């Protein structure tokens, strides 16, 4: 039977650890603290604590690596898998298979979080432009709805004033 060496509760406050808000010791495999305890500075531990990389950061790192990697025997984690996925996306005739959907989801997820003006990830600038247009259109629709509501409220107030003055 194997047991996990990962802590499940903060070493200081004993609260459950959330994956995105945990700080772990570089040396002690069972020492982890939550984000609030780390931020409060109440840690009395002799080693350095590190935060695990975010999934978005890992995705960006893999995509950046894959777009520049030229070797077929690369040892970078997930390089070969992502290369195969990209190659499939270029050659697939269906464009709606699960592999293509996965590839487009990866590009969309990257583009949503990317802030690089000259990003080299395929389709990044196109997706960001589309997200920007969608946000502008949603803002325009909200403003138009607010104007219509304001006009309707003004019309109702005018009608109510007219009714009150005629009685």
C-alpha atoms as a PDB file:
ATOM      1  CA  UNK A   1       0.000   0.000   0.000  1.00  0.00           C
ATOM      2  CA  UNK A   2       1.343   3.430  -0.912  1.00  0.00           C
ATOM      3  CA  UNK A   3       0.626   6.596   0.992  1.00  0.00           C
ATOM      4  CA  UNK A   4       0.807  10.099  -0.285  1.00  0.00           C
ATOM      5  CA  UNK A   5       3.567  12.292   1.078  1.00  0.00           C
ATOM      6  CA  UNK A   6       1.504  15.385   0.270  1.00  0.00           C
ATOM      7  CA  UNK A   7      -0.036  17.208   3.192  1.00  0.00           C
ATOM      8  CA  UNK A   8      -3.797  17.622   3.138  1.00  0.00           C
ATOM      9  CA  UNK A   9      -4.051  20.268   5.860  1.00  0.00           C
ATOM     10  CA  UNK A  10      -2.106  23.440   6.605  1.00  0.00           C
ATOM     11  CA  UNK A  11       0.754  22.791   9.041  1.00  0.00           C
ATOM     12  CA  UNK A  12      -0.148  25.986  10.922  1.00  0.00           C
ATOM     13  CA  UNK A  13      -3.949  26.481  10.985  1.00  0.00           C
ATOM     14  CA  UNK A  14      -4.874  22.846  10.154  1.00  0.00           C
ATOM     15  CA  UNK A  15      -7.425  23.962   7.498  1.00  0.00           C
ATOM     16  CA  UNK A  16      -7.779  21.909   4.303  1.00  0.00           C
ATOM     17  CA  UNK A  17      -5.326  22.953   1.617  1.00  0.00           C
ATOM     18  CA  UNK A  18      -6.660  24.260  -1.692  1.00  0.00           C
ATOM     19  CA  UNK A  19      -4.458  23.345  -4.685  1.00  0.00           C
ATOM     20  CA  UNK A  20      -4.118  26.930  -5.913  1.00  0.00           C
ATOM     21  CA  UNK A  21      -3.263  28.369  -2.489  1.00  0.00           C
ATOM     22  CA  UNK A  22      -0.645  26.114  -1.001  1.00  0.00           C
ATOM     23  CA  UNK A  23       3.006  26.689  -0.234  1.00  0.00           C
ATOM     24  CA  UNK A  24       5.189  23.643   0.209  1.00  0.00           C
ATOM     25  CA  UNK A  25       8.647  23.091   1.635  1.00  0.00           C
ATOM     26  CA  UNK A  26      11.391  22.337  -0.875  1.00  0.00           C
ATOM     27  CA  UNK A  27      12.925  19.828   1.546  1.00  0.00           C
ATOM     28  CA  UNK A  28      10.155  18.377   3.740  1.00  0.00           C
ATOM     29  CA  UNK A  29       7.583  16.526   1.619  1.00  0.00           C
ATOM     30  CA  UNK A  30       4.882  16.677   4.305  1.00  0.00           C
ATOM     31  CA  UNK A  31       5.134  20.386   5.181  1.00  0.00           C
ATOM     32  CA  UNK A  32       2.645  22.644   3.403  1.00  0.00           C
ATOM     33  CA  UNK A  33       0.878  25.810   4.485  1.00  0.00           C
ATOM     34  CA  UNK A  34      -2.151  27.631   3.129  1.00  0.00           C
ATOM     35  CA  UNK A  35      -1.994  30.982   1.351  1.00  0.00           C
ATOM     36  CA  UNK A  36      -3.396  33.042   4.269  1.00  0.00           C
ATOM     37  CA  UNK A  37      -0.882  31.634   6.779  1.00  0.00           C
ATOM     38  CA  UNK A  38       1.939  32.220   4.290  1.00  0.00           C
ATOM     39  CA  UNK A  39       0.746  35.798   3.699  1.00  0.00           C
ATOM     40  CA  UNK A  40       0.484  36.498   7.446  1.00  0.00           C
ATOM     41  CA  UNK A  41       4.154  35.583   7.858  1.00  0.00           C
ATOM     42  CA  UNK A  42       3.558  33.349  10.889  1.00  0.00           C
ATOM     43  CA  UNK A  43       5.668  30.531   9.466  1.00  0.00           C
ATOM     44  CA  UNK A  44       8.402  29.143  11.672  1.00  0.00           C
ATOM     45  CA  UNK A  45      10.032  26.663   9.300  1.00  0.00           C
ATOM     46  CA  UNK A  46      13.767  26.391   8.551  1.00  0.00           C
ATOM     47  CA  UNK A  47      13.444  25.736   4.790  1.00  0.00           C
ATOM     48  CA  UNK A  48      12.243  27.771   1.836  1.00  0.00           C
ATOM     49  CA  UNK A  49       8.593  27.422   0.843  1.00  0.00           C
ATOM     50  CA  UNK A  50       7.572  27.451  -2.796  1.00  0.00           C
ATOM     51  CA  UNK A  51       4.253  27.772  -4.545  1.00  0.00           C
ATOM     52  CA  UNK A  52       3.506  25.184  -7.216  1.00  0.00           C
ATOM     53  CA  UNK A  53       3.234  26.622 -10.716  1.00  0.00           C
ATOM     54  CA  UNK A  54      -0.261  27.443 -11.909  1.00  0.00           C
ATOM     55  CA  UNK A  55      -1.822  25.212 -14.577  1.00  0.00           C
ATOM     56  CA  UNK A  56      -2.031  28.249 -16.866  1.00  0.00           C
ATOM     57  CA  UNK A  57       1.679  28.935 -16.401  1.00  0.00           C
ATOM     58  CA  UNK A  58       2.497  25.302 -17.118  1.00  0.00           C
ATOM     59  CA  UNK A  59       0.341  25.361 -20.243  1.00  0.00           C
ATOM     60  CA  UNK A  60       2.068  28.511 -21.498  1.00  0.00           C
ATOM     61  CA  UNK A  61       5.502  27.018 -20.839  1.00  0.00           C
ATOM     62  CA  UNK A  62       4.654  23.833 -22.781  1.00  0.00           C
ATOM     63  CA  UNK A  63       3.150  25.774 -25.699  1.00  0.00           C
ATOM     64  CA  UNK A  64       6.137  28.122 -25.892  1.00  0.00           C
ATOM     65  CA  UNK A  65       8.515  25.173 -25.802  1.00  0.00           C
ATOM     66  CA  UNK A  66       6.617  23.186 -28.439  1.00  0.00           C
ATOM     67  CA  UNK A  67       6.467  26.097 -30.886  1.00  0.00           C
ATOM     68  CA  UNK A  68      10.271  26.369 -30.835  1.00  0.00           C
ATOM     69  CA  UNK A  69      11.348  22.733 -30.297  1.00  0.00           C
ATOM     70  CA  UNK A  70      12.861  21.059 -33.364  1.00  0.00           C
ATOM     71  CA  UNK A  71      14.022  17.711 -31.983  1.00  0.00           C
ATOM     72  CA  UNK A  72      12.085  14.457 -32.161  1.00  0.00           C
ATOM     73  CA  UNK A  73      13.735  13.060 -29.017  1.00  0.00           C
ATOM     74  CA  UNK A  74      12.875  15.962 -26.718  1.00  0.00           C
ATOM     75  CA  UNK A  75      12.784  15.201 -22.990  1.00  0.00           C
ATOM     76  CA  UNK A  76      10.613  18.186 -22.080  1.00  0.00           C
ATOM     77  CA  UNK A  77       7.442  16.975 -20.306  1.00  0.00           C
ATOM     78  CA  UNK A  78       4.435  16.721 -22.634  1.00  0.00           C
ATOM     79  CA  UNK A  79       6.388  18.068 -25.630  1.00  0.00           C
ATOM     80  CA  UNK A  80       5.757  15.020 -27.799  1.00  0.00           C
ATOM     81  CA  UNK A  81       2.068  14.833 -26.799  1.00  0.00           C
ATOM     82  CA  UNK A  82       1.377  18.475 -27.631  1.00  0.00           C
ATOM     83  CA  UNK A  83       3.368  18.237 -30.876  1.00  0.00           C
ATOM     84  CA  UNK A  84       1.237  15.276 -31.960  1.00  0.00           C
ATOM     85  CA  UNK A  85      -1.917  17.165 -31.038  1.00  0.00           C
ATOM     86  CA  UNK A  86      -0.826  20.189 -33.098  1.00  0.00           C
ATOM     87  CA  UNK A  87       0.173  18.013 -36.044  1.00  0.00           C
ATOM     88  CA  UNK A  88      -3.211  16.309 -35.903  1.00  0.00           C
ATOM     89  CA  UNK A  89      -4.962  19.684 -35.947  1.00  0.00           C
ATOM     90  CA  UNK A  90      -3.164  20.633 -39.154  1.00  0.00           C
ATOM     91  CA  UNK A  91      -3.958  17.394 -40.985  1.00  0.00           C
ATOM     92  CA  UNK A  92      -7.435  16.499 -39.639  1.00  0.00           C
ATOM     93  CA  UNK A  93     -10.180  16.595 -42.242  1.00  0.00           C
ATOM     94  CA  UNK A  94     -13.084  16.536 -39.758  1.00  0.00           C
ATOM     95  CA  UNK A  95     -12.087  19.551 -37.591  1.00  0.00           C
ATOM     96  CA  UNK A  96     -14.670  18.484 -34.997  1.00  0.00           C
ATOM     97  CA  UNK A  97     -13.066  15.358 -33.551  1.00  0.00           C
ATOM     98  CA  UNK A  98     -12.108  15.180 -29.866  1.00  0.00           C
ATOM     99  CA  UNK A  99      -8.418  15.795 -30.617  1.00  0.00           C
ATOM    100  CA  UNK A 100      -9.197  18.997 -32.529  1.00  0.00           C
ATOM    101  CA  UNK A 101     -11.577  20.176 -29.819  1.00  0.00           C
ATOM    102  CA  UNK A 102      -8.867  19.595 -27.233  1.00  0.00           C
ATOM    103  CA  UNK A 103      -6.321  21.516 -29.290  1.00  0.00           C
ATOM    104  CA  UNK A 104      -8.664  24.501 -29.771  1.00  0.00           C
ATOM    105  CA  UNK A 105      -9.533  24.450 -26.060  1.00  0.00           C
ATOM    106  CA  UNK A 106      -5.824  24.646 -25.217  1.00  0.00           C
ATOM    107  CA  UNK A 107      -5.350  27.611 -27.567  1.00  0.00           C
ATOM    108  CA  UNK A 108      -8.438  29.376 -26.165  1.00  0.00           C
ATOM    109  CA  UNK A 109      -7.350  28.809 -22.564  1.00  0.00           C
ATOM    110  CA  UNK A 110      -3.918  30.192 -23.343  1.00  0.00           C
ATOM    111  CA  UNK A 111      -5.287  33.235 -25.190  1.00  0.00           C
ATOM    112  CA  UNK A 112      -7.677  34.095 -22.349  1.00  0.00           C
ATOM    113  CA  UNK A 113      -4.749  34.529 -19.966  1.00  0.00           C
ATOM    114  CA  UNK A 114      -2.030  35.744 -22.347  1.00  0.00           C
ATOM    115  CA  UNK A 115      -0.848  39.348 -22.041  1.00  0.00           C
ATOM    116  CA  UNK A 116       2.029  39.175 -24.546  1.00  0.00           C
ATOM    117  CA  UNK A 117       1.503  41.686 -27.365  1.00  0.00           C
ATOM    118  CA  UNK A 118       3.689  39.643 -29.758  1.00  0.00           C
ATOM    119  CA  UNK A 119       2.807  36.107 -28.570  1.00  0.00           C
ATOM    120  CA  UNK A 120       4.153  33.333 -30.803  1.00  0.00           C
ATOM    121  CA  UNK A 121       1.566  30.721 -29.802  1.00  0.00           C
ATOM    122  CA  UNK A 122      -0.600  29.810 -32.824  1.00  0.00           C
ATOM    123  CA  UNK A 123      -3.997  31.545 -32.951  1.00  0.00           C
ATOM    124  CA  UNK A 124      -3.338  33.502 -29.736  1.00  0.00           C
ATOM    125  CA  UNK A 125      -3.745  36.976 -31.250  1.00  0.00           C
ATOM    126  CA  UNK A 126      -6.831  35.880 -33.207  1.00  0.00           C
ATOM    127  CA  UNK A 127      -8.540  34.489 -30.104  1.00  0.00           C
ATOM    128  CA  UNK A 128      -7.629  37.586 -28.056  1.00  0.00           C
ATOM    129  CA  UNK A 129      -9.089  39.825 -30.770  1.00  0.00           C
ATOM    130  CA  UNK A 130     -12.279  37.742 -30.747  1.00  0.00           C
ATOM    131  CA  UNK A 131     -12.502  37.912 -26.934  1.00  0.00           C
ATOM    132  CA  UNK A 132     -12.011  41.687 -27.089  1.00  0.00           C
ATOM    133  CA  UNK A 133     -14.752  42.090 -29.727  1.00  0.00           C
ATOM    134  CA  UNK A 134     -17.125  39.924 -27.696  1.00  0.00           C
ATOM    135  CA  UNK A 135     -16.472  42.007 -24.572  1.00  0.00           C
ATOM    136  CA  UNK A 136     -17.061  45.248 -26.496  1.00  0.00           C
ATOM    137  CA  UNK A 137     -20.299  43.884 -27.963  1.00  0.00           C
ATOM    138  CA  UNK A 138     -21.482  42.743 -24.531  1.00  0.00           C
ATOM    139  CA  UNK A 139     -20.676  46.201 -23.133  1.00  0.00           C
ATOM    140  CA  UNK A 140     -22.616  47.865 -25.941  1.00  0.00           C
ATOM    141  CA  UNK A 141     -25.601  45.596 -25.305  1.00  0.00           C
ATOM    142  CA  UNK A 142     -25.496  46.385 -21.566  1.00  0.00           C
ATOM    143  CA  UNK A 143     -25.346  50.129 -22.253  1.00  0.00           C
ATOM    144  CA  UNK A 144     -28.234  49.911 -24.754  1.00  0.00           C
ATOM    145  CA  UNK A 145     -30.317  47.930 -22.245  1.00  0.00           C
ATOM    146  CA  UNK A 146     -29.594  50.514 -19.545  1.00  0.00           C
ATOM    147  CA  UNK A 147     -30.674  53.350 -21.876  1.00  0.00           C
ATOM    148  CA  UNK A 148     -33.888  51.480 -22.781  1.00  0.00           C
ATOM    149  CA  UNK A 149     -34.602  50.866 -19.101  1.00  0.00           C
ATOM    150  CA  UNK A 150     -33.955  54.519 -18.242  1.00  0.00           C
ATOM    151  CA  UNK A 151     -36.270  55.645 -21.064  1.00  0.00           C
ATOM    152  CA  UNK A 152     -38.967  53.196 -19.946  1.00  0.00           C
ATOM    153  CA  UNK A 153     -38.673  54.465 -16.359  1.00  0.00           C
ATOM    154  CA  UNK A 154     -38.909  58.074 -17.571  1.00  0.00           C
ATOM    155  CA  UNK A 155     -41.980  57.254 -19.692  1.00  0.00           C
ATOM    156  CA  UNK A 156     -43.623  55.517 -16.715  1.00  0.00           C
ATOM    157  CA  UNK A 157     -42.879  58.519 -14.461  1.00  0.00           C
ATOM    158  CA  UNK A 158     -44.333  60.920 -17.063  1.00  0.00           C
ATOM    159  CA  UNK A 159     -47.462  58.790 -17.451  1.00  0.00           C
ATOM    160  CA  UNK A 160     -47.879  58.630 -13.675  1.00  0.00           C
ATOM    161  CA  UNK A 161     -47.543  62.428 -13.416  1.00  0.00           C
ATOM    162  CA  UNK A 162     -50.155  62.927 -16.134  1.00  0.00           C
ATOM    163  CA  UNK A 163     -52.602  60.567 -14.393  1.00  0.00           C
ATOM    164  CA  UNK A 164     -52.060  62.321 -11.049  1.00  0.00           C
ATOM    165  CA  UNK A 165     -52.613  65.813 -12.520  1.00  0.00           C
ATOM    166  CA  UNK A 166     -55.805  64.822 -14.329  1.00  0.00           C
ATOM    167  CA  UNK A 167     -57.522  63.613 -11.159  1.00  0.00           C
END
